[in-house]
């Protein structure tokens, strides 16, 4: 039962990542694979990379130094 619940949760998170990436106008991975074909780990990676691209480094609050 717990294994089935974990699978459902991971599938929901996977769908959430797809929705978030689509909202950012991203429909394929950096390698050109459609998001719908990626597994949970690959989607998480793509979301992480995309979130770094969204940060505006020119703003003083986001500057490193």
Protein backbone atom coordinates (compact mmCIF):
# COMPACT_ATOMS: atom_id res chain seq x y z
CA UNK A 1 0.00 0.00 0.00
CA UNK A 2 2.78 2.45 0.91
CA UNK A 3 4.58 1.69 -2.35
CA UNK A 4 1.43 2.49 -4.33
CA UNK A 5 0.99 5.78 -2.44
CA UNK A 6 4.62 6.74 -3.10
CA UNK A 7 4.11 6.03 -6.81
CA UNK A 8 1.02 8.25 -6.91
CA UNK A 9 2.82 11.07 -5.11
CA UNK A 10 5.79 10.89 -7.47
CA UNK A 11 3.46 10.87 -10.47
CA UNK A 12 1.65 13.95 -9.14
CA UNK A 13 4.96 15.74 -8.59
CA UNK A 14 6.05 14.73 -12.09
CA UNK A 15 2.88 16.25 -13.57
CA UNK A 16 3.45 19.36 -11.46
CA UNK A 17 6.96 19.77 -12.86
CA UNK A 18 5.60 19.44 -16.40
CA UNK A 19 2.99 22.13 -15.70
CA UNK A 20 5.59 24.47 -14.16
CA UNK A 21 7.98 24.01 -17.07
CA UNK A 22 5.18 24.55 -19.58
CA UNK A 23 4.29 27.79 -17.76
CA UNK A 24 7.91 28.86 -18.34
CA UNK A 25 7.45 28.10 -22.10
CA UNK A 26 9.66 25.01 -21.87
CA UNK A 27 8.30 22.00 -23.75
CA UNK A 28 11.45 19.94 -24.28
CA UNK A 29 14.52 19.06 -22.25
CA UNK A 30 17.90 20.57 -23.01
CA UNK A 31 18.60 17.43 -25.04
CA UNK A 32 15.42 17.92 -27.11
CA UNK A 33 13.29 15.20 -25.47
CA UNK A 34 9.61 16.13 -24.91
CA UNK A 35 8.85 16.70 -21.23
CA UNK A 36 6.13 14.06 -21.24
CA UNK A 37 8.76 11.39 -21.98
CA UNK A 38 11.05 12.33 -19.08
CA UNK A 39 11.03 10.58 -15.73
CA UNK A 40 10.66 12.35 -12.39
CA UNK A 41 14.40 12.83 -11.79
CA UNK A 42 15.00 14.30 -15.26
CA UNK A 43 12.07 16.69 -14.85
CA UNK A 44 13.38 17.81 -11.47
CA UNK A 45 16.75 18.52 -13.07
CA UNK A 46 15.18 20.50 -15.92
CA UNK A 47 13.13 22.55 -13.42
CA UNK A 48 16.26 23.33 -11.41
CA UNK A 49 18.16 24.49 -14.49
CA UNK A 50 15.18 26.57 -15.67
CA UNK A 51 14.83 28.25 -12.29
CA UNK A 52 18.47 29.39 -12.45
CA UNK A 53 17.79 30.96 -15.84
CA UNK A 54 14.88 32.94 -14.36
CA UNK A 55 17.04 34.71 -11.76
CA UNK A 56 17.87 38.26 -12.78
CA UNK A 57 21.53 38.68 -11.82
CA UNK A 58 21.48 42.37 -12.71
CA UNK A 59 19.27 43.16 -9.71
CA UNK A 60 21.28 44.12 -6.64
CA UNK A 61 19.37 41.69 -4.42
CA UNK A 62 20.43 38.80 -6.67
CA UNK A 63 24.04 39.88 -7.14
CA UNK A 64 26.71 37.54 -5.81
CA UNK A 65 29.18 40.25 -4.83
